[in-house]
PDB file of N, CA and C in Angstrom:
ATOM      1  N   UNK A   1       0.826  -1.358  -0.022  1.00  0.00           N
ATOM      2  CA  UNK A   1       0.084  -0.160  -0.014  1.00  0.00           C
ATOM      3  C   UNK A   1       0.794   1.358  -0.070  1.00  0.00           C
ATOM      4  N   UNK A   2       2.159   1.439   0.891  1.00  0.00           N
ATOM      5  CA  UNK A   2       2.861   2.547   0.790  1.00  0.00           C
ATOM      6  C   UNK A   2       4.003   2.385  -0.082  1.00  0.00           C
ATOM      7  N   UNK A   3       4.544   1.313  -0.245  1.00  0.00           N
ATOM      8  CA  UNK A   3       6.103   1.163  -1.145  1.00  0.00           C
ATOM      9  C   UNK A   3       5.550  -0.139  -1.878  1.00  0.00           C
ATOM     10  N   UNK A   4       6.321   0.030  -3.255  1.00  0.00           N
ATOM     11  CA  UNK A   4       6.376  -1.514  -4.190  1.00  0.00           C
ATOM     12  C   UNK A   4       7.269  -2.808  -3.596  1.00  0.00           C
ATOM     13  N   UNK A   5       8.064  -1.999  -2.592  1.00  0.00           N
ATOM     14  CA  UNK A   5       9.268  -3.165  -2.738  1.00  0.00           C
ATOM     15  C   UNK A   5       9.543  -3.287  -1.212  1.00  0.00           C
ATOM     16  N   UNK A   6       8.299  -3.654  -0.287  1.00  0.00           N
ATOM     17  CA  UNK A   6       8.553  -3.751   1.254  1.00  0.00           C
ATOM     18  C   UNK A   6       9.566  -4.639   1.588  1.00  0.00           C
ATOM     19  N   UNK A   7       9.503  -5.762   1.046  1.00  0.00           N
ATOM     20  CA  UNK A   7      10.913  -6.906   1.442  1.00  0.00           C
ATOM     21  C   UNK A   7      12.185  -6.217   1.576  1.00  0.00           C
ATOM     22  N   UNK A   8      12.212  -5.343   0.358  1.00  0.00           N
ATOM     23  CA  UNK A   8      13.713  -5.006   0.412  1.00  0.00           C
ATOM     24  C   UNK A   8      13.620  -3.705   1.180  1.00  0.00           C
ATOM     25  N   UNK A   9      12.748  -3.124   1.885  1.00  0.00           N
ATOM     26  CA  UNK A   9      12.985  -2.029   2.723  1.00  0.00           C
ATOM     27  C   UNK A   9      13.131  -2.684   4.164  1.00  0.00           C
ATOM     28  N   UNK A  10      12.628  -4.021   4.169  1.00  0.00           N
ATOM     29  CA  UNK A  10      12.947  -4.679   5.517  1.00  0.00           C
ATOM     30  C   UNK A  10      14.286  -5.101   5.629  1.00  0.00           C
ATOM     31  N   UNK A  11      14.801  -6.017   4.436  1.00  0.00           N
ATOM     32  CA  UNK A  11      16.289  -5.838   4.356  1.00  0.00           C
ATOM     33  C   UNK A  11      17.278  -4.776   4.974  1.00  0.00           C
ATOM     34  N   UNK A  12      16.909  -3.619   4.618  1.00  0.00           N
ATOM     35  CA  UNK A  12      17.757  -2.676   4.677  1.00  0.00           C
ATOM     36  C   UNK A  12      17.525  -1.902   6.042  1.00  0.00           C
ATOM     37  N   UNK A  13      16.069  -2.194   6.574  1.00  0.00           N
ATOM     38  CA  UNK A  13      16.043  -1.750   7.883  1.00  0.00           C
ATOM     39  C   UNK A  13      16.981  -3.019   8.667  1.00  0.00           C
ATOM     40  N   UNK A  14      16.939  -3.857   8.694  1.00  0.00           N
ATOM     41  CA  UNK A  14      17.589  -4.901   9.173  1.00  0.00           C
ATOM     42  C   UNK A  14      19.109  -4.691   9.178  1.00  0.00           C
ATOM     43  N   UNK A  15      19.798  -4.336   8.067  1.00  0.00           N
ATOM     44  CA  UNK A  15      20.860  -4.037   7.800  1.00  0.00           C
ATOM     45  C   UNK A  15      21.530  -2.673   8.374  1.00  0.00           C
ATOM     46  N   UNK A  16      20.639  -1.602   8.772  1.00  0.00           N
ATOM     47  CA  UNK A  16      20.841  -0.534   9.263  1.00  0.00           C
ATOM     48  C   UNK A  16      20.744  -0.792  10.798  1.00  0.00           C
ATOM     49  N   UNK A  17      20.117  -1.857  11.245  1.00  0.00           N
ATOM     50  CA  UNK A  17      20.225  -2.144  12.846  1.00  0.00           C
ATOM     51  C   UNK A  17      21.668  -3.143  12.842  1.00  0.00           C
ATOM     52  N   UNK A  18      21.784  -3.755  11.796  1.00  0.00           N
ATOM     53  CA  UNK A  18      23.214  -4.393  12.111  1.00  0.00           C
ATOM     54  C   UNK A  18      24.156  -3.581  12.007  1.00  0.00           C
ATOM     55  N   UNK A  19      24.240  -2.808  11.316  1.00  0.00           N
ATOM     56  CA  UNK A  19      25.420  -1.455  10.955  1.00  0.00           C
ATOM     57  C   UNK A  19      25.374  -0.767  12.153  1.00  0.00           C
ATOM     58  N   UNK A  20      24.153  -0.397  13.176  1.00  0.00           N
ATOM     59  CA  UNK A  20      24.386   0.434  14.413  1.00  0.00           C
ATOM     60  C   UNK A  20      24.740  -0.641  15.289  1.00  0.00           C
ATOM     61  N   UNK A  21      24.640  -1.864  15.535  1.00  0.00           N
ATOM     62  CA  UNK A  21      25.389  -2.602  16.341  1.00  0.00           C
ATOM     63  C   UNK A  21      26.950  -2.893  16.350  1.00  0.00           C
ATOM     64  N   UNK A  22      27.346  -2.735  14.945  1.00  0.00           N
ATOM     65  CA  UNK A  22      29.115  -2.806  15.055  1.00  0.00           C
ATOM     66  C   UNK A  22      29.448  -1.758  13.844  1.00  0.00           C
ATOM     67  N   UNK A  23      29.360  -0.511  14.061  1.00  0.00           N
ATOM     68  CA  UNK A  23      29.640   0.766  13.193  1.00  0.00           C
ATOM     69  C   UNK A  23      31.154   0.658  13.050  1.00  0.00           C
ATOM     70  N   UNK A  24      31.390   0.195  11.836  1.00  0.00           N
ATOM     71  CA  UNK A  24      32.979   0.219  11.677  1.00  0.00           C
ATOM     72  C   UNK A  24      33.086   0.894  10.154  1.00  0.00           C
ATOM     73  N   UNK A  25      34.302   1.145   9.518  1.00  0.00           N
ATOM     74  CA  UNK A  25      34.265   1.466   8.195  1.00  0.00           C
ATOM     75  C   UNK A  25      33.869   0.378   7.192  1.00  0.00           C
ATOM     76  N   UNK A  26      34.636  -0.688   7.795  1.00  0.00           N
ATOM     77  CA  UNK A  26      34.228  -2.009   6.448  1.00  0.00           C
ATOM     78  C   UNK A  26      32.608  -2.267   6.638  1.00  0.00           C
ATOM     79  N   UNK A  27      32.211  -2.298   7.737  1.00  0.00           N
ATOM     80  CA  UNK A  27      30.525  -2.547   7.644  1.00  0.00           C
ATOM     81  C   UNK A  27      29.556  -1.411   7.121  1.00  0.00           C
ATOM     82  N   UNK A  28      30.503  -0.150   7.113  1.00  0.00           N
ATOM     83  CA  UNK A  28      29.681   1.278   6.414  1.00  0.00           C
ATOM     84  C   UNK A  28      29.808   0.807   4.622  1.00  0.00           C
ATOM     85  N   UNK A  29      30.940   0.216   4.556  1.00  0.00           N
ATOM     86  CA  UNK A  29      31.298   0.050   2.967  1.00  0.00           C
ATOM     87  C   UNK A  29      30.215  -0.768   2.547  1.00  0.00           C
ATOM     88  N   UNK A  30      30.138  -1.975   3.288  1.00  0.00           N
ATOM     89  CA  UNK A  30      29.347  -3.212   3.093  1.00  0.00           C
ATOM     90  C   UNK A  30      27.823  -2.706   3.027  1.00  0.00           C
ATOM     91  N   UNK A  31      27.243  -1.799   3.853  1.00  0.00           N
ATOM     92  CA  UNK A  31      26.118  -1.537   3.770  1.00  0.00           C
ATOM     93  C   UNK A  31      25.770  -0.472   2.648  1.00  0.00           C
ATOM     94  N   UNK A  32      26.615   0.368   2.140  1.00  0.00           N
ATOM     95  CA  UNK A  32      26.768   1.120   0.823  1.00  0.00           C
ATOM     96  C   UNK A  32      26.570   0.454  -0.310  1.00  0.00           C
ATOM     97  N   UNK A  33      27.166  -0.771  -0.302  1.00  0.00           N
ATOM     98  CA  UNK A  33      27.181  -1.706  -1.511  1.00  0.00           C
ATOM     99  C   UNK A  33      25.745  -2.527  -1.507  1.00  0.00           C
ATOM    100  N   UNK A  34      25.422  -2.738  -0.333  1.00  0.00           N
ATOM    101  CA  UNK A  34      24.024  -3.349  -0.133  1.00  0.00           C
ATOM    102  C   UNK A  34      23.056  -2.441  -0.772  1.00  0.00           C
ATOM    103  N   UNK A  35      23.020  -0.935  -0.374  1.00  0.00           N
ATOM    104  CA  UNK A  35      22.130  -0.185  -0.739  1.00  0.00           C
ATOM    105  C   UNK A  35      22.237   0.163  -2.577  1.00  0.00           C
ATOM    106  N   UNK A  36      23.198  -0.038  -3.221  1.00  0.00           N
ATOM    107  CA  UNK A  36      23.846   0.129  -4.166  1.00  0.00           C
ATOM    108  C   UNK A  36      22.932  -1.160  -5.039  1.00  0.00           C
ATOM    109  N   UNK A  37      23.650  -2.322  -4.431  1.00  0.00           N
ATOM    110  CA  UNK A  37      22.983  -3.212  -5.267  1.00  0.00           C
ATOM    111  C   UNK A  37      21.572  -3.665  -5.226  1.00  0.00           C
ATOM    112  N   UNK A  38      20.687  -3.022  -3.941  1.00  0.00           N
ATOM    113  CA  UNK A  38      19.330  -3.031  -3.927  1.00  0.00           C
ATOM    114  C   UNK A  38      18.810  -2.121  -5.272  1.00  0.00           C
ATOM    115  N   UNK A  39      19.138  -1.190  -4.858  1.00  0.00           N
ATOM    116  CA  UNK A  39      18.682   0.012  -5.984  1.00  0.00           C
ATOM    117  C   UNK A  39      18.671  -0.524  -7.293  1.00  0.00           C
ATOM    118  N   UNK A  40      20.043  -1.439  -7.908  1.00  0.00           N
ATOM    119  CA  UNK A  40      20.331  -1.904  -9.092  1.00  0.00           C
ATOM    120  C   UNK A  40      19.108  -2.736  -9.196  1.00  0.00           C
ATOM    121  N   UNK A  41      18.840  -3.710  -8.221  1.00  0.00           N
ATOM    122  CA  UNK A  41      17.923  -4.821  -8.372  1.00  0.00           C
ATOM    123  C   UNK A  41      16.374  -4.496  -8.506  1.00  0.00           C
ATOM    124  N   UNK A  42      16.048  -3.321  -8.044  1.00  0.00           N
ATOM    125  CA  UNK A  42      14.984  -2.906  -7.962  1.00  0.00           C
ATOM    126  C   UNK A  42      14.424  -2.265  -9.267  1.00  0.00           C
ATOM    127  N   UNK A  43      15.403  -1.591  -9.953  1.00  0.00           N
ATOM    128  CA  UNK A  43      15.290  -0.752 -11.221  1.00  0.00           C
ATOM    129  C   UNK A  43      15.144  -1.988 -12.295  1.00  0.00           C
ATOM    130  N   UNK A  44      15.786  -3.328 -12.351  1.00  0.00           N
ATOM    131  CA  UNK A  44      15.934  -4.039 -13.197  1.00  0.00           C
ATOM    132  C   UNK A  44      14.397  -4.835 -13.132  1.00  0.00           C
ATOM    133  N   UNK A  45      13.837  -4.833 -11.785  1.00  0.00           N
ATOM    134  CA  UNK A  45      12.673  -5.856 -11.525  1.00  0.00           C
ATOM    135  C   UNK A  45      11.725  -4.767 -12.135  1.00  0.00           C
ATOM    136  N   UNK A  46      11.733  -3.485 -11.828  1.00  0.00           N
ATOM    137  CA  UNK A  46      10.768  -2.526 -12.023  1.00  0.00           C
ATOM    138  C   UNK A  46      10.607  -2.489 -13.770  1.00  0.00           C
ATOM    139  N   UNK A  47      11.648  -2.491 -14.610  1.00  0.00           N
ATOM    140  CA  UNK A  47      11.837  -2.533 -15.931  1.00  0.00           C
ATOM    141  C   UNK A  47      11.259  -3.626 -16.571  1.00  0.00           C
ATOM    142  N   UNK A  48      11.221  -5.029 -15.861  1.00  0.00           N
ATOM    143  CA  UNK A  48      10.884  -6.286 -16.500  1.00  0.00           C
ATOM    144  C   UNK A  48       9.272  -6.332 -15.696  1.00  0.00           C
ATOM    145  N   UNK A  49       8.912  -5.985 -14.824  1.00  0.00           N
ATOM    146  CA  UNK A  49       7.626  -5.811 -14.283  1.00  0.00           C
ATOM    147  C   UNK A  49       6.640  -4.853 -15.035  1.00  0.00           C
ATOM    148  N   UNK A  50       7.203  -4.078 -15.624  1.00  0.00           N
ATOM    149  CA  UNK A  50       6.697  -2.794 -16.044  1.00  0.00           C
ATOM    150  C   UNK A  50       5.926  -3.358 -17.530  1.00  0.00           C
ATOM    151  N   UNK A  51       6.406  -4.323 -17.825  1.00  0.00           N
ATOM    152  CA  UNK A  51       5.958  -4.952 -19.266  1.00  0.00           C
ATOM    153  C   UNK A  51       4.355  -5.675 -19.006  1.00  0.00           C
ATOM    154  N   UNK A  52       3.938  -5.814 -18.037  1.00  0.00           N
ATOM    155  CA  UNK A  52       2.854  -6.193 -17.395  1.00  0.00           C
ATOM    156  C   UNK A  52       1.696  -4.912 -17.292  1.00  0.00           C
ATOM    157  N   UNK A  53       0.473  -4.920 -17.643  1.00  0.00           N
ATOM    158  CA  UNK A  53      -0.492  -3.976 -17.574  1.00  0.00           C
ATOM    159  C   UNK A  53      -0.891  -3.938 -16.051  1.00  0.00           C
ATOM    160  N   UNK A  54      -1.109  -5.178 -15.369  1.00  0.00           N
ATOM    161  CA  UNK A  54      -1.355  -5.329 -13.943  1.00  0.00           C
ATOM    162  C   UNK A  54      -0.250  -4.458 -13.129  1.00  0.00           C
ATOM    163  N   UNK A  55       0.887  -4.562 -13.562  1.00  0.00           N
ATOM    164  CA  UNK A  55       1.711  -3.852 -12.581  1.00  0.00           C
ATOM    165  C   UNK A  55       1.810  -2.406 -12.973  1.00  0.00           C
ATOM    166  N   UNK A  56       1.634  -2.021 -14.047  1.00  0.00           N
ATOM    167  CA  UNK A  56       1.514  -0.504 -14.431  1.00  0.00           C
ATOM    168  C   UNK A  56       0.364  -0.089 -13.546  1.00  0.00           C
ATOM    169  N   UNK A  57      -0.531  -0.635 -13.428  1.00  0.00           N
ATOM    170  CA  UNK A  57      -1.706  -0.109 -12.482  1.00  0.00           C
ATOM    171  C   UNK A  57      -1.428  -0.057 -11.274  1.00  0.00           C
ATOM    172  N   UNK A  58      -0.730  -1.300 -10.377  1.00  0.00           N
ATOM    173  CA  UNK A  58      -0.168  -1.380  -9.326  1.00  0.00           C
ATOM    174  C   UNK A  58       0.968  -0.048  -9.019  1.00  0.00           C
ATOM    175  N   UNK A  59       1.724   0.183 -10.025  1.00  0.00           N
ATOM    176  CA  UNK A  59       2.605   1.242  -9.924  1.00  0.00           C
ATOM    177  C   UNK A  59       2.101   2.623  -9.800  1.00  0.00           C
ATOM    178  N   UNK A  60       1.031   2.855 -10.423  1.00  0.00           N
ATOM    179  CA  UNK A  60       0.493   4.118 -10.576  1.00  0.00           C
ATOM    180  C   UNK A  60      -0.222   4.430  -9.276  1.00  0.00           C
ATOM    181  N   UNK A  61      -0.698   3.171  -8.675  1.00  0.00           N
ATOM    182  CA  UNK A  61      -1.356   3.413  -6.970  1.00  0.00           C
ATOM    183  C   UNK A  61      -0.198   3.367  -6.187  1.00  0.00           C
ATOM    184  N   UNK A  62       0.739   2.882  -6.314  1.00  0.00           N
ATOM    185  CA  UNK A  62       1.548   2.976  -5.431  1.00  0.00           C
ATOM    186  C   UNK A  62       3.082   3.677  -5.884  1.00  0.00           C
ATOM    187  N   UNK A  63       3.107   5.002  -5.412  1.00  0.00           N
ATOM    188  CA  UNK A  63       4.181   5.930  -6.235  1.00  0.00           C
ATOM    189  C   UNK A  63       5.408   5.678  -5.582  1.00  0.00           C
ATOM    190  N   UNK A  64       5.525   5.283  -4.551  1.00  0.00           N
ATOM    191  CA  UNK A  64       7.107   4.995  -3.694  1.00  0.00           C
ATOM    192  C   UNK A  64       7.726   3.458  -4.239  1.00  0.00           C
ATOM    193  N   UNK A  65       8.612   3.616  -4.329  1.00  0.00           N
ATOM    194  CA  UNK A  65       9.666   2.214  -4.619  1.00  0.00           C
ATOM    195  C   UNK A  65      10.087   1.964  -3.473  1.00  0.00           C
ATOM    196  N   UNK A  66      10.639   2.292  -2.362  1.00  0.00           N
ATOM    197  CA  UNK A  66      11.203   1.850  -1.378  1.00  0.00           C
ATOM    198  C   UNK A  66      11.162   2.642  -0.102  1.00  0.00           C
ATOM    199  N   UNK A  67      10.945   3.707   0.033  1.00  0.00           N
ATOM    200  CA  UNK A  67      10.912   5.024   1.000  1.00  0.00           C
ATOM    201  C   UNK A  67       9.741   5.729   1.015  1.00  0.00           C
ATOM    202  N   UNK A  68       8.653   5.480   1.689  1.00  0.00           N
ATOM    203  CA  UNK A  68       7.536   6.537   1.274  1.00  0.00           C
ATOM    204  C   UNK A  68       7.955   7.913   1.564  1.00  0.00           C
ATOM    205  N   UNK A  69       7.457   8.671   0.483  1.00  0.00           N
ATOM    206  CA  UNK A  69       7.815  10.294   0.101  1.00  0.00           C
ATOM    207  C   UNK A  69       8.825  10.754   0.140  1.00  0.00           C
ATOM    208  N   UNK A  70       9.914   9.583  -0.493  1.00  0.00           N
ATOM    209  CA  UNK A  70      11.430   9.721  -0.262  1.00  0.00           C
ATOM    210  C   UNK A  70      11.634   9.182  -2.016  1.00  0.00           C
ATOM    211  N   UNK A  71      11.678   7.877  -1.893  1.00  0.00           N
ATOM    212  CA  UNK A  71      12.378   7.179  -3.097  1.00  0.00           C
ATOM    213  C   UNK A  71      11.282   5.808  -3.634  1.00  0.00           C
TER     214      UNK A  71
END
């Protein structure tokens, strides 16, 4: 209802929690890479799913990909 990819949002929230438990430069780089790869995956999935008229309707009713009112 609010975002098109709630599972990926859950992954990122979990990763933020793990990062907060052990904030190191290495973990921050891993988190940044995770965000980048998740963004690429979302773009690819949206490209493939947009071929379906049903997904186009879903997309028009759910304007945000991952973070409400942001992205």
